[in-house]
PDB file of all heavy atoms in Angstrom:
ATOM      1  N   ALA A   1     139.597  38.730  98.037  1.00  0.00           N
ATOM      2  CA  ALA A   1     139.074  38.252  99.372  1.00  0.00           C
ATOM      3  C   ALA A   1     140.137  37.952 100.378  1.00  0.00           C
ATOM      4  O   ALA A   1     140.098  38.207 101.555  1.00  0.00           O
ATOM      5  CB  ALA A   1     138.126  37.125  99.136  1.00  0.00           C
ATOM      6  N   ALA A   2     141.248  37.291  99.849  1.00  0.00           N
ATOM      7  CA  ALA A   2     142.348  36.978 100.747  1.00  0.00           C
ATOM      8  C   ALA A   2     143.004  38.189 101.241  1.00  0.00           C
ATOM      9  O   ALA A   2     143.528  38.251 102.366  1.00  0.00           O
ATOM     10  CB  ALA A   2     143.291  36.018  99.956  1.00  0.00           C
ATOM     11  N   ASP A   3     143.104  39.202 100.356  1.00  0.00           N
ATOM     12  CA  ASP A   3     143.702  40.580 100.774  1.00  0.00           C
ATOM     13  C   ASP A   3     142.985  41.087 101.969  1.00  0.00           C
ATOM     14  O   ASP A   3     143.552  41.664 102.921  1.00  0.00           O
ATOM     15  CB  ASP A   3     143.586  41.562  99.579  1.00  0.00           C
ATOM     16  CG  ASP A   3     144.770  41.413  98.599  1.00  0.00           C
ATOM     17  OD1 ASP A   3     145.782  40.710  98.870  1.00  0.00           O
ATOM     18  OD2 ASP A   3     144.594  41.875  97.475  1.00  0.00           O
ATOM     19  N   LYS A   4     141.612  40.985 101.865  1.00  0.00           N
ATOM     20  CA  LYS A   4     140.834  41.611 103.006  1.00  0.00           C
ATOM     21  C   LYS A   4     141.072  40.797 104.300  1.00  0.00           C
ATOM     22  O   LYS A   4     141.398  41.535 105.348  1.00  0.00           O
ATOM     23  CB  LYS A   4     139.317  41.305 102.606  1.00  0.00           C
ATOM     24  CG  LYS A   4     138.361  41.653 103.757  1.00  0.00           C
ATOM     25  CD  LYS A   4     138.330  43.121 104.152  1.00  0.00           C
ATOM     26  CE  LYS A   4     137.814  44.074 103.054  1.00  0.00           C
ATOM     27  NZ  LYS A   4     137.776  45.422 103.422  1.00  0.00           N
ATOM     28  N   TRP A   5     141.176  39.505 104.235  1.00  0.00           N
ATOM     29  CA  TRP A   5     141.455  38.780 105.493  1.00  0.00           C
ATOM     30  C   TRP A   5     142.879  38.945 105.936  1.00  0.00           C
ATOM     31  O   TRP A   5     143.260  39.020 107.131  1.00  0.00           O
ATOM     32  CB  TRP A   5     141.107  37.336 105.381  1.00  0.00           C
ATOM     33  CG  TRP A   5     139.605  37.101 105.525  1.00  0.00           C
ATOM     34  CD1 TRP A   5     138.833  36.634 104.576  1.00  0.00           C
ATOM     35  CD2 TRP A   5     138.780  37.511 106.614  1.00  0.00           C
ATOM     36  NE1 TRP A   5     137.508  36.564 105.046  1.00  0.00           N
ATOM     37  CE2 TRP A   5     137.485  37.091 106.321  1.00  0.00           C
ATOM     38  CE3 TRP A   5     139.055  38.042 107.850  1.00  0.00           C
ATOM     39  CZ2 TRP A   5     136.398  37.261 107.176  1.00  0.00           C
ATOM     40  CZ3 TRP A   5     138.029  38.315 108.719  1.00  0.00           C
ATOM     41  CH2 TRP A   5     136.668  37.885 108.338  1.00  0.00           C
ATOM     42  N   GLY A   6     143.803  39.050 104.981  1.00  0.00           N
ATOM     43  CA  GLY A   6     145.273  39.222 105.245  1.00  0.00           C
ATOM     44  C   GLY A   6     145.471  40.547 105.965  1.00  0.00           C
ATOM     45  O   GLY A   6     146.401  40.593 106.860  1.00  0.00           O
ATOM     46  N   ALA A   7     144.736  41.512 105.496  1.00  0.00           N
ATOM     47  CA  ALA A   7     144.956  42.850 106.131  1.00  0.00           C
ATOM     48  C   ALA A   7     144.227  42.970 107.491  1.00  0.00           C
ATOM     49  O   ALA A   7     144.522  43.926 108.276  1.00  0.00           O
ATOM     50  CB  ALA A   7     144.364  43.933 105.195  1.00  0.00           C
ATOM     51  N   THR A   8     143.289  42.172 107.734  1.00  0.00           N
ATOM     52  CA  THR A   8     142.425  42.219 108.985  1.00  0.00           C
ATOM     53  C   THR A   8     143.024  41.397 110.160  1.00  0.00           C
ATOM     54  O   THR A   8     142.871  41.745 111.226  1.00  0.00           O
ATOM     55  CB  THR A   8     140.984  41.744 108.725  1.00  0.00           C
ATOM     56  OG1 THR A   8     140.500  42.547 107.498  1.00  0.00           O
ATOM     57  CG2 THR A   8     140.084  41.987 109.898  1.00  0.00           C
ATOM     58  N   LEU A   9     143.486  40.236 109.742  1.00  0.00           N
ATOM     59  CA  LEU A   9     144.008  39.216 110.812  1.00  0.00           C
ATOM     60  C   LEU A   9     145.506  39.545 111.250  1.00  0.00           C
ATOM     61  O   LEU A   9     146.193  40.209 110.445  1.00  0.00           O
ATOM     62  CB  LEU A   9     143.910  37.890 110.276  1.00  0.00           C
ATOM     63  CG  LEU A   9     142.551  37.362 109.721  1.00  0.00           C
ATOM     64  CD1 LEU A   9     142.754  35.991 109.157  1.00  0.00           C
ATOM     65  CD2 LEU A   9     141.574  37.333 110.959  1.00  0.00           C
ATOM     66  N   THR A  10     145.910  38.914 112.293  1.00  0.00           N
ATOM     67  CA  THR A  10     147.284  38.995 112.652  1.00  0.00           C
ATOM     68  C   THR A  10     147.747  37.485 113.019  1.00  0.00           C
ATOM     69  O   THR A  10     147.165  36.832 113.751  1.00  0.00           O
ATOM     70  CB  THR A  10     147.499  39.849 113.968  1.00  0.00           C
ATOM     71  OG1 THR A  10     147.070  41.075 113.687  1.00  0.00           O
ATOM     72  CG2 THR A  10     148.982  39.847 114.400  1.00  0.00           C
ATOM     73  N   SER A  11     148.814  37.064 112.284  1.00  0.00           N
ATOM     74  CA  SER A  11     149.363  35.775 112.576  1.00  0.00           C
ATOM     75  C   SER A  11     150.744  35.660 112.066  1.00  0.00           C
ATOM     76  O   SER A  11     151.048  36.147 110.995  1.00  0.00           O
ATOM     77  CB  SER A  11     148.472  34.657 111.854  1.00  0.00           C
ATOM     78  OG  SER A  11     149.145  33.392 112.159  1.00  0.00           O
ATOM     79  N   SER A  12     151.697  35.116 112.845  1.00  0.00           N
ATOM     80  CA  SER A  12     153.024  34.984 112.362  1.00  0.00           C
ATOM     81  C   SER A  12     153.289  33.703 111.496  1.00  0.00           C
ATOM     82  O   SER A  12     154.317  33.444 110.905  1.00  0.00           O
ATOM     83  CB  SER A  12     154.030  34.886 113.593  1.00  0.00           C
ATOM     84  OG  SER A  12     153.634  33.736 114.395  1.00  0.00           O
ATOM     85  N   VAL A  13     152.157  32.859 111.412  1.00  0.00           N
ATOM     86  CA  VAL A  13     152.224  31.657 110.593  1.00  0.00           C
ATOM     87  C   VAL A  13     151.399  31.842 109.388  1.00  0.00           C
ATOM     88  O   VAL A  13     150.257  32.325 109.443  1.00  0.00           O
ATOM     89  CB  VAL A  13     151.665  30.461 111.512  1.00  0.00           C
ATOM     90  CG1 VAL A  13     151.678  29.100 110.673  1.00  0.00           C
ATOM     91  CG2 VAL A  13     152.379  30.344 112.820  1.00  0.00           C
ATOM     92  N   PHE A  14     151.991  31.405 108.217  1.00  0.00           N
ATOM     93  CA  PHE A  14     151.291  31.547 106.976  1.00  0.00           C
ATOM     94  C   PHE A  14     149.950  30.894 107.107  1.00  0.00           C
ATOM     95  O   PHE A  14     149.820  29.727 107.678  1.00  0.00           O
ATOM     96  CB  PHE A  14     152.115  30.967 105.844  1.00  0.00           C
ATOM     97  CG  PHE A  14     153.264  31.817 105.416  1.00  0.00           C
ATOM     98  CD1 PHE A  14     153.561  32.941 106.165  1.00  0.00           C
ATOM     99  CD2 PHE A  14     154.009  31.357 104.340  1.00  0.00           C
ATOM    100  CE1 PHE A  14     154.729  33.687 105.651  1.00  0.00           C
ATOM    101  CE2 PHE A  14     155.153  32.076 103.999  1.00  0.00           C
ATOM    102  CZ  PHE A  14     155.535  33.201 104.655  1.00  0.00           C
ATOM    103  N   ILE A  15     148.931  31.405 106.422  1.00  0.00           N
ATOM    104  CA  ILE A  15     147.497  30.771 106.396  1.00  0.00           C
ATOM    105  C   ILE A  15     147.446  30.174 104.816  1.00  0.00           C
ATOM    106  O   ILE A  15     147.502  30.986 103.901  1.00  0.00           O
ATOM    107  CB  ILE A  15     146.407  31.714 106.580  1.00  0.00           C
ATOM    108  CG1 ILE A  15     146.545  32.337 108.031  1.00  0.00           C
ATOM    109  CG2 ILE A  15     145.144  31.055 106.430  1.00  0.00           C
ATOM    110  CD1 ILE A  15     145.636  33.455 108.283  1.00  0.00           C
ATOM    111  N   THR A  16     147.336  28.851 104.786  1.00  0.00           N
ATOM    112  CA  THR A  16     147.300  28.231 103.497  1.00  0.00           C
ATOM    113  C   THR A  16     145.905  27.691 103.236  1.00  0.00           C
ATOM    114  O   THR A  16     145.272  27.052 104.048  1.00  0.00           O
ATOM    115  CB  THR A  16     148.371  27.102 103.461  1.00  0.00           C
ATOM    116  OG1 THR A  16     148.149  26.199 104.464  1.00  0.00           O
ATOM    117  CG2 THR A  16     149.722  27.635 103.512  1.00  0.00           C
ATOM    118  N   ILE A  17     145.501  27.895 101.892  1.00  0.00           N
ATOM    119  CA  ILE A  17     144.153  27.498 101.481  1.00  0.00           C
ATOM    120  C   ILE A  17     144.240  26.539 100.257  1.00  0.00           C
ATOM    121  O   ILE A  17     144.801  26.992  99.227  1.00  0.00           O
ATOM    122  CB  ILE A  17     143.250  28.788 101.237  1.00  0.00           C
ATOM    123  CG1 ILE A  17     143.204  29.686 102.315  1.00  0.00           C
ATOM    124  CG2 ILE A  17     141.847  28.296 100.771  1.00  0.00           C
ATOM    125  CD1 ILE A  17     142.718  31.069 102.035  1.00  0.00           C
ATOM    126  N   ASP A  18     143.674  25.393 100.369  1.00  0.00           N
ATOM    127  CA  ASP A  18     143.530  24.474  99.206  1.00  0.00           C
ATOM    128  C   ASP A  18     142.252  24.806  98.574  1.00  0.00           C
ATOM    129  O   ASP A  18     141.155  24.644  99.056  1.00  0.00           O
ATOM    130  CB  ASP A  18     143.546  23.048  99.697  1.00  0.00           C
ATOM    131  CG  ASP A  18     143.187  22.043  98.682  1.00  0.00           C
ATOM    132  OD1 ASP A  18     143.164  22.406  97.493  1.00  0.00           O
ATOM    133  OD2 ASP A  18     142.843  20.912  99.056  1.00  0.00           O
ATOM    134  N   ALA A  19     142.355  25.455  97.349  1.00  0.00           N
ATOM    135  CA  ALA A  19     141.178  25.978  96.696  1.00  0.00           C
ATOM    136  C   ALA A  19     140.945  25.378  95.307  1.00  0.00           C
ATOM    137  O   ALA A  19     141.885  25.124  94.631  1.00  0.00           O
ATOM    138  CB  ALA A  19     141.332  27.580  96.542  1.00  0.00           C
ATOM    139  N   GLY A  20     139.701  25.302  94.963  1.00  0.00           N
ATOM    140  CA  GLY A  20     139.359  24.785  93.756  1.00  0.00           C
ATOM    141  C   GLY A  20     137.890  24.784  93.339  1.00  0.00           C
ATOM    142  O   GLY A  20     137.075  25.230  94.234  1.00  0.00           O
ATOM    143  N   PHE A  21     137.536  24.526  92.105  1.00  0.00           N
ATOM    144  CA  PHE A  21     136.054  24.437  91.648  1.00  0.00           C
ATOM    145  C   PHE A  21     135.726  23.001  91.417  1.00  0.00           C
ATOM    146  O   PHE A  21     136.595  22.184  91.040  1.00  0.00           O
ATOM    147  CB  PHE A  21     135.975  25.241  90.358  1.00  0.00           C
ATOM    148  CG  PHE A  21     135.731  26.630  90.569  1.00  0.00           C
ATOM    149  CD1 PHE A  21     136.833  27.517  90.785  1.00  0.00           C
ATOM    150  CD2 PHE A  21     134.460  27.145  90.299  1.00  0.00           C
ATOM    151  CE1 PHE A  21     136.633  28.828  90.913  1.00  0.00           C
ATOM    152  CE2 PHE A  21     134.276  28.646  90.467  1.00  0.00           C
ATOM    153  CZ  PHE A  21     135.290  29.422  90.764  1.00  0.00           C
ATOM    154  N   THR A  22     134.437  22.675  91.741  1.00  0.00           N
ATOM    155  CA  THR A  22     133.988  21.328  91.582  1.00  0.00           C
ATOM    156  C   THR A  22     132.415  21.477  91.427  1.00  0.00           C
ATOM    157  O   THR A  22     131.795  22.509  91.643  1.00  0.00           O
ATOM    158  CB  THR A  22     134.333  20.443  92.725  1.00  0.00           C
ATOM    159  OG1 THR A  22     134.012  19.107  92.444  1.00  0.00           O
ATOM    160  CG2 THR A  22     133.638  20.830  94.085  1.00  0.00           C
ATOM    161  N   ALA A  23     131.791  20.271  91.131  1.00  0.00           N
ATOM    162  CA  ALA A  23     130.288  20.344  91.103  1.00  0.00           C
ATOM    163  C   ALA A  23     129.763  20.228  92.471  1.00  0.00           C
ATOM    164  O   ALA A  23     130.064  19.288  93.230  1.00  0.00           O
ATOM    165  CB  ALA A  23     129.867  19.082  90.263  1.00  0.00           C
ATOM    166  N   LEU A  24     128.954  21.136  92.903  1.00  0.00           N
ATOM    167  CA  LEU A  24     128.225  21.085  94.167  1.00  0.00           C
ATOM    168  C   LEU A  24     126.720  21.037  93.949  1.00  0.00           C
ATOM    169  O   LEU A  24     126.262  21.266  92.799  1.00  0.00           O
ATOM    170  CB  LEU A  24     128.583  22.435  95.034  1.00  0.00           C
ATOM    171  CG  LEU A  24     130.086  22.609  95.265  1.00  0.00           C
ATOM    172  CD1 LEU A  24     130.274  23.906  96.030  1.00  0.00           C
ATOM    173  CD2 LEU A  24     130.536  21.539  96.229  1.00  0.00           C
ATOM    174  N   SER A  25     126.059  20.713  94.978  1.00  0.00           N
ATOM    175  CA  SER A  25     124.559  20.461  94.841  1.00  0.00           C
ATOM    176  C   SER A  25     123.843  21.658  94.346  1.00  0.00           C
ATOM    177  O   SER A  25     124.059  22.772  94.704  1.00  0.00           O
ATOM    178  CB  SER A  25     124.049  20.158  96.324  1.00  0.00           C
ATOM    179  OG  SER A  25     122.629  19.963  96.271  1.00  0.00           O
TER     180      SER A  25
END
């Protein structure tokens, strides 16, 4: 999924994502 957005967007600044799994409703 990140590859898809990385190839689609343009930005000179790194895009950082804090990712994890947790219990959701």
